[in-house]
Amino acid sequence: MKNQQELAAISAVIALINSEVSSPEYIQPKQGNPPHPYAAYGRQLTMQYRDITQRRIIKRSR
């Protein structure tokens, strides 16, 4: 009798865990601001300046 009760308790716990894991609630991701053309232009300039600086094309006057 005791083994049957333990088996029933273990199976109930496993069923509870599986029911929680198998059906998670869908959370819609937060929507950000739409991209702005000036933001893309700023990123492009930043990348261009980094590239120029790394290649040392900018001549420093000393």
N, C-alpha and C. Protein backbone atom coordinates (compact mmCIF):
# COMPACT_ATOMS: atom_id res chain seq x y z
N MET A 1 0.83 -1.19 0.00
CA MET A 1 0.00 0.00 0.00
C MET A 1 0.87 1.26 0.00
N LYS A 2 1.96 1.22 0.78
CA LYS A 2 2.81 2.39 0.89
C LYS A 2 3.51 2.69 -0.43
N ASN A 3 3.95 1.64 -1.16
CA ASN A 3 4.62 1.84 -2.45
C ASN A 3 3.68 2.46 -3.47
N GLN A 4 2.41 2.08 -3.42
CA GLN A 4 1.43 2.64 -4.35
C GLN A 4 1.20 4.13 -4.06
N GLN A 5 1.16 4.49 -2.80
CA GLN A 5 0.97 5.90 -2.43
C GLN A 5 2.18 6.74 -2.85
N GLU A 6 3.39 6.19 -2.65
CA GLU A 6 4.59 6.92 -3.07
C GLU A 6 4.62 7.08 -4.58
N LEU A 7 4.28 6.02 -5.30
CA LEU A 7 4.26 6.08 -6.76
C LEU A 7 3.23 7.09 -7.24
N ALA A 8 2.07 7.14 -6.60
CA ALA A 8 1.03 8.09 -6.98
C ALA A 8 1.48 9.53 -6.70
N ALA A 9 2.15 9.74 -5.58
CA ALA A 9 2.62 11.08 -5.24
C ALA A 9 3.70 11.53 -6.22
N ILE A 10 4.63 10.64 -6.56
CA ILE A 10 5.71 10.99 -7.50
C ILE A 10 5.13 11.28 -8.88
N SER A 11 4.19 10.46 -9.32
CA SER A 11 3.61 10.69 -10.65
C SER A 11 2.79 11.98 -10.68
N ALA A 12 2.16 12.34 -9.55
CA ALA A 12 1.41 13.60 -9.49
C ALA A 12 2.36 14.78 -9.59
N VAL A 13 3.49 14.71 -8.92
CA VAL A 13 4.47 15.80 -8.97
C VAL A 13 5.04 15.93 -10.38
N ILE A 14 5.37 14.81 -11.00
CA ILE A 14 5.91 14.84 -12.37
C ILE A 14 4.88 15.40 -13.34
N ALA A 15 3.60 15.01 -13.19
CA ALA A 15 2.54 15.53 -14.05
C ALA A 15 2.38 17.03 -13.87
N LEU A 16 2.48 17.50 -12.64
CA LEU A 16 2.37 18.93 -12.37
C LEU A 16 3.52 19.70 -13.01
N ILE A 17 4.73 19.19 -12.89
CA ILE A 17 5.90 19.85 -13.48
C ILE A 17 5.78 19.87 -15.00
N ASN A 18 5.38 18.75 -15.59
CA ASN A 18 5.25 18.69 -17.04
C ASN A 18 4.15 19.61 -17.55
N SER A 19 3.08 19.77 -16.81
CA SER A 19 2.00 20.65 -17.26
C SER A 19 2.43 22.11 -17.21
N GLU A 20 3.28 22.49 -16.28
CA GLU A 20 3.77 23.86 -16.20
C GLU A 20 4.76 24.16 -17.30
N VAL A 21 5.61 23.21 -17.62
CA VAL A 21 6.66 23.42 -18.61
C VAL A 21 6.10 23.37 -20.03
N SER A 22 5.14 22.49 -20.28
CA SER A 22 4.67 22.28 -21.64
C SER A 22 3.77 23.39 -22.16
N SER A 23 3.18 24.19 -21.29
CA SER A 23 2.27 25.23 -21.76
C SER A 23 2.64 26.60 -21.18
N PRO A 24 3.78 27.15 -21.60
CA PRO A 24 4.13 28.48 -21.09
C PRO A 24 3.26 29.56 -21.76
N GLU A 25 3.05 30.62 -21.04
CA GLU A 25 2.27 31.71 -21.61
C GLU A 25 3.14 32.48 -22.60
N TYR A 26 2.52 32.90 -23.69
CA TYR A 26 3.25 33.66 -24.70
C TYR A 26 3.34 35.10 -24.26
N ILE A 27 4.56 35.62 -24.23
CA ILE A 27 4.79 37.02 -23.89
C ILE A 27 5.26 37.72 -25.14
N GLN A 28 4.50 38.70 -25.57
CA GLN A 28 4.84 39.40 -26.80
C GLN A 28 6.04 40.32 -26.52
N PRO A 29 7.06 40.28 -27.40
CA PRO A 29 8.22 41.14 -27.17
C PRO A 29 7.85 42.61 -27.32
N LYS A 30 8.57 43.44 -26.58
CA LYS A 30 8.31 44.87 -26.63
C LYS A 30 8.78 45.43 -27.96
N GLN A 31 7.96 46.28 -28.54
CA GLN A 31 8.29 46.89 -29.81
C GLN A 31 9.07 48.17 -29.54
N GLY A 32 10.20 48.32 -30.22
CA GLY A 32 11.01 49.53 -30.08
C GLY A 32 10.51 50.63 -30.99
N ASN A 33 11.19 51.73 -30.95
CA ASN A 33 10.85 52.83 -31.83
C ASN A 33 11.23 52.46 -33.26
N PRO A 34 10.44 52.91 -34.24
CA PRO A 34 10.81 52.61 -35.62
C PRO A 34 12.12 53.31 -35.99
N PRO A 35 12.91 52.70 -36.87
CA PRO A 35 14.20 53.32 -37.22
C PRO A 35 14.00 54.65 -37.94
N HIS A 36 14.89 55.56 -37.65
CA HIS A 36 14.83 56.89 -38.24
C HIS A 36 15.99 57.04 -39.22
N PRO A 37 15.79 57.72 -40.33
CA PRO A 37 16.89 57.84 -41.30
C PRO A 37 18.14 58.52 -40.74
N TYR A 38 17.95 59.47 -39.82
CA TYR A 38 19.11 60.14 -39.25
C TYR A 38 19.93 59.20 -38.38
N ALA A 39 19.26 58.24 -37.73
CA ALA A 39 19.97 57.27 -36.90
C ALA A 39 20.85 56.38 -37.78
N ALA A 40 20.32 55.95 -38.92
CA ALA A 40 21.10 55.12 -39.83
C ALA A 40 22.28 55.92 -40.39
N TYR A 41 22.07 57.18 -40.69
CA TYR A 41 23.15 58.03 -41.20
C TYR A 41 24.23 58.20 -40.14
N GLY A 42 23.83 58.40 -38.90
CA GLY A 42 24.80 58.54 -37.82
C GLY A 42 25.62 57.28 -37.61
N ARG A 43 24.97 56.12 -37.67
CA ARG A 43 25.71 54.86 -37.56
C ARG A 43 26.69 54.70 -38.71
N GLN A 44 26.27 55.08 -39.91
CA GLN A 44 27.15 54.97 -41.07
C GLN A 44 28.37 55.88 -40.91
N LEU A 45 28.17 57.10 -40.45
CA LEU A 45 29.30 58.02 -40.25
C LEU A 45 30.24 57.49 -39.16
N THR A 46 29.67 56.96 -38.09
CA THR A 46 30.50 56.42 -37.02
C THR A 46 31.38 55.29 -37.52
N MET A 47 30.81 54.39 -38.28
CA MET A 47 31.59 53.28 -38.83
C MET A 47 32.65 53.78 -39.80
N GLN A 48 32.31 54.80 -40.58
CA GLN A 48 33.28 55.36 -41.52
C GLN A 48 34.45 56.01 -40.77
N TYR A 49 34.16 56.77 -39.73
CA TYR A 49 35.22 57.40 -38.95
C TYR A 49 36.10 56.36 -38.25
N ARG A 50 35.49 55.29 -37.76
CA ARG A 50 36.28 54.22 -37.14
C ARG A 50 37.22 53.58 -38.16
N ASP A 51 36.68 53.34 -39.35
CA ASP A 51 37.49 52.72 -40.40
C ASP A 51 38.66 53.63 -40.78
N ILE A 52 38.38 54.91 -40.95
CA ILE A 52 39.44 55.87 -41.32
C ILE A 52 40.49 55.94 -40.22
N THR A 53 40.05 55.97 -38.97
CA THR A 53 40.98 56.06 -37.84
C THR A 53 41.83 54.80 -37.74
N GLN A 54 41.24 53.64 -37.93
CA GLN A 54 42.00 52.41 -37.83
C GLN A 54 43.02 52.27 -38.96
N ARG A 55 42.67 52.78 -40.11
CA ARG A 55 43.61 52.73 -41.24
C ARG A 55 44.61 53.88 -41.20
N ARG A 56 44.42 54.79 -40.27
CA ARG A 56 45.28 55.96 -40.09
C ARG A 56 45.37 56.81 -41.35
N ILE A 57 44.22 56.96 -41.99
CA ILE A 57 44.16 57.81 -43.18
C ILE A 57 44.14 59.28 -42.78
N ILE A 58 43.58 59.55 -41.60
CA ILE A 58 43.55 60.94 -41.13
C ILE A 58 44.98 61.33 -40.76
N LYS A 59 45.47 62.35 -41.39
CA LYS A 59 46.83 62.82 -41.11
C LYS A 59 46.77 63.79 -39.94
N ARG A 60 47.55 63.52 -38.94
CA ARG A 60 47.60 64.38 -37.77
C ARG A 60 48.68 65.43 -37.99
N SER A 61 48.33 66.66 -37.71
CA SER A 61 49.34 67.73 -37.86
C SER A 61 50.01 67.95 -36.52
N ARG A 62 51.31 67.68 -36.47
CA ARG A 62 52.06 67.86 -35.23
C ARG A 62 53.15 68.85 -35.42
